[in-house]
PDB file of N, CA and C in Angstrom:
ATOM      1  N   MET A   1    -180.010  91.102 -45.054  1.00  0.00           N
ATOM      2  CA  MET A   1    -179.193  89.692 -44.877  1.00  0.00           C
ATOM      3  C   MET A   1    -179.382  88.165 -44.737  1.00  0.00           C
ATOM      4  N   ALA A   2    -180.647  87.930 -44.731  1.00  0.00           N
ATOM      5  CA  ALA A   2    -181.486  86.981 -44.558  1.00  0.00           C
ATOM      6  C   ALA A   2    -181.816  86.551 -45.486  1.00  0.00           C
ATOM      7  N   VAL A   3    -182.080  86.980 -46.718  1.00  0.00           N
ATOM      8  CA  VAL A   3    -182.081  86.598 -47.743  1.00  0.00           C
ATOM      9  C   VAL A   3    -181.217  86.897 -49.384  1.00  0.00           C
ATOM     10  N   LEU A   4    -180.509  86.963 -49.107  1.00  0.00           N
ATOM     11  CA  LEU A   4    -178.543  86.913 -48.882  1.00  0.00           C
ATOM     12  C   LEU A   4    -178.183  85.463 -48.986  1.00  0.00           C
ATOM     13  N   GLU A   5    -178.936  85.313 -47.276  1.00  0.00           N
ATOM     14  CA  GLU A   5    -178.216  83.586 -47.360  1.00  0.00           C
ATOM     15  C   GLU A   5    -179.506  82.438 -47.770  1.00  0.00           C
ATOM     16  N   LEU A   6    -180.615  83.356 -48.015  1.00  0.00           N
ATOM     17  CA  LEU A   6    -181.237  82.125 -48.739  1.00  0.00           C
ATOM     18  C   LEU A   6    -180.917  81.763 -50.372  1.00  0.00           C
ATOM     19  N   ALA A   7    -180.841  82.540 -51.079  1.00  0.00           N
ATOM     20  CA  ALA A   7    -180.612  82.727 -51.767  1.00  0.00           C
ATOM     21  C   ALA A   7    -179.363  81.898 -52.349  1.00  0.00           C
ATOM     22  N   ILE A   8    -177.671  81.588 -51.260  1.00  0.00           N
ATOM     23  CA  ILE A   8    -176.722  81.419 -51.546  1.00  0.00           C
ATOM     24  C   ILE A   8    -176.854  79.576 -51.452  1.00  0.00           C
ATOM     25  N   ALA A   9    -177.929  79.502 -50.280  1.00  0.00           N
ATOM     26  CA  ALA A   9    -178.403  78.081 -49.645  1.00  0.00           C
ATOM     27  C   ALA A   9    -179.245  77.824 -50.501  1.00  0.00           C
ATOM     28  N   PHE A  10    -180.188  77.949 -51.758  1.00  0.00           N
ATOM     29  CA  PHE A  10    -180.588  77.166 -52.601  1.00  0.00           C
ATOM     30  C   PHE A  10    -179.621  77.155 -54.094  1.00  0.00           C
ATOM     31  N   PHE A  11    -178.414  78.497 -54.131  1.00  0.00           N
ATOM     32  CA  PHE A  11    -177.938  77.836 -54.738  1.00  0.00           C
ATOM     33  C   PHE A  11    -177.159  76.851 -54.620  1.00  0.00           C
ATOM     34  N   VAL A  12    -176.272  76.403 -53.649  1.00  0.00           N
ATOM     35  CA  VAL A  12    -175.826  75.145 -52.742  1.00  0.00           C
ATOM     36  C   VAL A  12    -176.753  74.148 -53.395  1.00  0.00           C
ATOM     37  N   LEU A  13    -177.601  74.258 -53.456  1.00  0.00           N
ATOM     38  CA  LEU A  13    -178.609  73.045 -53.290  1.00  0.00           C
ATOM     39  C   LEU A  13    -178.777  73.045 -54.821  1.00  0.00           C
ATOM     40  N   ALA A  14    -178.637  73.167 -55.500  1.00  0.00           N
ATOM     41  CA  ALA A  14    -178.462  72.932 -56.724  1.00  0.00           C
ATOM     42  C   ALA A  14    -177.633  72.497 -57.818  1.00  0.00           C
ATOM     43  N   ILE A  15    -176.205  73.083 -57.450  1.00  0.00           N
ATOM     44  CA  ILE A  15    -175.269  72.423 -57.860  1.00  0.00           C
ATOM     45  C   ILE A  15    -175.046  71.770 -57.393  1.00  0.00           C
ATOM     46  N   ILE A  16    -175.437  70.871 -55.416  1.00  0.00           N
ATOM     47  CA  ILE A  16    -175.642  69.478 -55.346  1.00  0.00           C
ATOM     48  C   ILE A  16    -176.243  68.909 -55.881  1.00  0.00           C
ATOM     49  N   ALA A  17    -177.590  69.245 -56.326  1.00  0.00           N
ATOM     50  CA  ALA A  17    -178.454  68.419 -56.730  1.00  0.00           C
ATOM     51  C   ALA A  17    -177.746  68.794 -58.248  1.00  0.00           C
ATOM     52  N   GLY A  18    -177.336  69.184 -59.705  1.00  0.00           N
ATOM     53  CA  GLY A  18    -177.345  68.692 -60.801  1.00  0.00           C
ATOM     54  C   GLY A  18    -175.842  68.360 -61.153  1.00  0.00           C
ATOM     55  N   ALA A  19    -175.272  68.162 -59.456  1.00  0.00           N
ATOM     56  CA  ALA A  19    -174.150  66.797 -59.350  1.00  0.00           C
ATOM     57  C   ALA A  19    -174.702  65.396 -59.833  1.00  0.00           C
ATOM     58  N   LEU A  20    -175.656  65.757 -58.359  1.00  0.00           N
ATOM     59  CA  LEU A  20    -175.853  64.252 -58.451  1.00  0.00           C
ATOM     60  C   LEU A  20    -177.124  63.709 -59.096  1.00  0.00           C
ATOM     61  N   GLY A  21    -177.468  64.525 -60.494  1.00  0.00           N
ATOM     62  CA  GLY A  21    -178.098  64.236 -61.274  1.00  0.00           C
ATOM     63  C   GLY A  21    -179.777  64.674 -61.651  1.00  0.00           C
ATOM     64  N   ALA A  22    -180.702  65.294 -60.623  1.00  0.00           N
ATOM     65  CA  ALA A  22    -181.893  65.428 -60.383  1.00  0.00           C
ATOM     66  C   ALA A  22    -181.517  67.121 -60.857  1.00  0.00           C
ATOM     67  N   GLY A  23    -181.708  67.254 -62.377  1.00  0.00           N
ATOM     68  CA  GLY A  23    -182.496  68.165 -62.857  1.00  0.00           C
ATOM     69  C   GLY A  23    -183.236  69.193 -62.457  1.00  0.00           C
ATOM     70  N   GLY A  24    -183.860  68.001 -62.284  1.00  0.00           N
ATOM     71  CA  GLY A  24    -185.047  69.514 -62.179  1.00  0.00           C
ATOM     72  C   GLY A  24    -185.330  69.939 -61.231  1.00  0.00           C
ATOM     73  N   VAL A  25    -184.968  69.441 -60.157  1.00  0.00           N
ATOM     74  CA  VAL A  25    -184.538  70.574 -59.004  1.00  0.00           C
ATOM     75  C   VAL A  25    -183.100  71.248 -58.838  1.00  0.00           C
ATOM     76  N   ALA A  26    -181.940  70.810 -59.937  1.00  0.00           N
ATOM     77  CA  ALA A  26    -181.502  72.019 -60.043  1.00  0.00           C
ATOM     78  C   ALA A  26    -182.244  73.108 -60.873  1.00  0.00           C
ATOM     79  N   GLY A  27    -182.946  72.146 -61.589  1.00  0.00           N
ATOM     80  CA  GLY A  27    -182.766  74.577 -62.068  1.00  0.00           C
ATOM     81  C   GLY A  27    -184.354  74.886 -61.593  1.00  0.00           C
ATOM     82  N   MET A  28    -185.087  74.220 -60.647  1.00  0.00           N
ATOM     83  CA  MET A  28    -185.845  74.779 -59.452  1.00  0.00           C
ATOM     84  C   MET A  28    -184.535  75.635 -58.866  1.00  0.00           C
ATOM     85  N   SER A  29    -184.046  75.245 -58.295  1.00  0.00           N
ATOM     86  CA  SER A  29    -183.562  75.225 -56.850  1.00  0.00           C
ATOM     87  C   SER A  29    -182.626  77.207 -57.899  1.00  0.00           C
ATOM     88  N   MET A  30    -182.171  77.049 -59.208  1.00  0.00           N
ATOM     89  CA  MET A  30    -181.057  77.785 -59.413  1.00  0.00           C
ATOM     90  C   MET A  30    -182.582  79.277 -60.098  1.00  0.00           C
ATOM     91  N   ASP A  31    -183.577  79.070 -59.450  1.00  0.00           N
ATOM     92  CA  ASP A  31    -184.846  79.886 -60.436  1.00  0.00           C
ATOM     93  C   ASP A  31    -184.822  80.875 -59.230  1.00  0.00           C
ATOM     94  N   ILE A  32    -184.941  80.433 -58.147  1.00  0.00           N
ATOM     95  CA  ILE A  32    -185.618  80.688 -56.947  1.00  0.00           C
ATOM     96  C   ILE A  32    -184.434  81.742 -56.176  1.00  0.00           C
ATOM     97  N   ALA A  33    -182.778  80.934 -56.589  1.00  0.00           N
ATOM     98  CA  ALA A  33    -181.730  81.572 -55.624  1.00  0.00           C
ATOM     99  C   ALA A  33    -181.314  82.606 -56.667  1.00  0.00           C
ATOM    100  N   LYS A  34    -181.766  83.130 -58.055  1.00  0.00           N
ATOM    101  CA  LYS A  34    -182.008  84.456 -59.405  1.00  0.00           C
ATOM    102  C   LYS A  34    -183.067  84.781 -58.140  1.00  0.00           C
ATOM    103  N   TRP A  35    -183.909  84.713 -58.621  1.00  0.00           N
ATOM    104  CA  TRP A  35    -185.276  85.849 -57.555  1.00  0.00           C
ATOM    105  C   TRP A  35    -184.967  86.217 -56.282  1.00  0.00           C
ATOM    106  N   LEU A  36    -184.155  85.472 -55.416  1.00  0.00           N
ATOM    107  CA  LEU A  36    -184.356  85.829 -54.515  1.00  0.00           C
ATOM    108  C   LEU A  36    -182.764  86.902 -54.238  1.00  0.00           C
ATOM    109  N   VAL A  37    -181.738  86.612 -55.399  1.00  0.00           N
ATOM    110  CA  VAL A  37    -180.805  87.856 -55.262  1.00  0.00           C
ATOM    111  C   VAL A  37    -181.485  88.977 -56.014  1.00  0.00           C
ATOM    112  N   ILE A  38    -182.735  88.682 -57.174  1.00  0.00           N
ATOM    113  CA  ILE A  38    -183.362  90.327 -58.278  1.00  0.00           C
ATOM    114  C   ILE A  38    -183.689  90.569 -56.108  1.00  0.00           C
ATOM    115  N   ILE A  39    -184.805  90.031 -55.902  1.00  0.00           N
ATOM    116  CA  ILE A  39    -185.700  90.652 -54.040  1.00  0.00           C
ATOM    117  C   ILE A  39    -184.119  91.563 -53.088  1.00  0.00           C
ATOM    118  N   PHE A  40    -182.838  90.604 -53.246  1.00  0.00           N
ATOM    119  CA  PHE A  40    -182.063  90.660 -52.476  1.00  0.00           C
ATOM    120  C   PHE A  40    -181.871  92.337 -52.594  1.00  0.00           C
ATOM    121  N   LEU A  41    -180.817  92.704 -54.109  1.00  0.00           N
ATOM    122  CA  LEU A  41    -180.251  93.851 -54.762  1.00  0.00           C
ATOM    123  C   LEU A  41    -181.324  94.740 -54.533  1.00  0.00           C
ATOM    124  N   VAL A  42    -182.925  94.687 -54.844  1.00  0.00           N
ATOM    125  CA  VAL A  42    -183.851  95.666 -55.067  1.00  0.00           C
ATOM    126  C   VAL A  42    -183.735  96.588 -53.758  1.00  0.00           C
ATOM    127  N   LEU A  43    -183.551  95.478 -52.775  1.00  0.00           N
ATOM    128  CA  LEU A  43    -184.316  96.059 -51.189  1.00  0.00           C
ATOM    129  C   LEU A  43    -182.828  96.793 -50.788  1.00  0.00           C
ATOM    130  N   ALA A  44    -181.673  95.975 -51.564  1.00  0.00           N
ATOM    131  CA  ALA A  44    -180.553  96.821 -50.700  1.00  0.00           C
ATOM    132  C   ALA A  44    -180.430  98.639 -51.284  1.00  0.00           C
ATOM    133  N   VAL A  45    -180.607  98.243 -52.762  1.00  0.00           N
ATOM    134  CA  VAL A  45    -180.532  99.439 -53.245  1.00  0.00           C
ATOM    135  C   VAL A  45    -182.376 100.732 -53.317  1.00  0.00           C
ATOM    136  N   VAL A  46    -183.126  99.888 -52.269  1.00  0.00           N
ATOM    137  CA  VAL A  46    -184.252 100.817 -51.345  1.00  0.00           C
ATOM    138  C   VAL A  46    -183.828 101.117 -49.835  1.00  0.00           C
ATOM    139  N   SER A  47    -183.242 100.295 -49.481  1.00  0.00           N
ATOM    140  CA  SER A  47    -182.664 101.044 -48.403  1.00  0.00           C
ATOM    141  C   SER A  47    -181.927 101.448 -48.215  1.00  0.00           C
ATOM    142  N   MET A  48    -180.639 101.917 -49.507  1.00  0.00           N
ATOM    143  CA  MET A  48    -179.661 102.396 -49.678  1.00  0.00           C
ATOM    144  C   MET A  48    -179.935 104.289 -49.602  1.00  0.00           C
ATOM    145  N   ILE A  49    -181.461 104.108 -50.160  1.00  0.00           N
ATOM    146  CA  ILE A  49    -181.920 105.117 -50.746  1.00  0.00           C
ATOM    147  C   ILE A  49    -182.877 106.317 -49.395  1.00  0.00           C
ATOM    148  N   LEU A  50    -183.588 105.021 -48.829  1.00  0.00           N
ATOM    149  CA  LEU A  50    -184.164 105.530 -47.722  1.00  0.00           C
ATOM    150  C   LEU A  50    -183.401 106.400 -46.242  1.00  0.00           C
TER     151      LEU A  50
END
């Protein structure tokens, strides 16, 4: 569950940075959020199988 919370935090950070005009920070935050969501989904599927 911590991975999902981190992904949400980075998503919110990206939205705020994008609104304030910091495009580089927003893009990097969205990339991190995307990878954290992917990791969360993989771990969720593995935990349901095992």
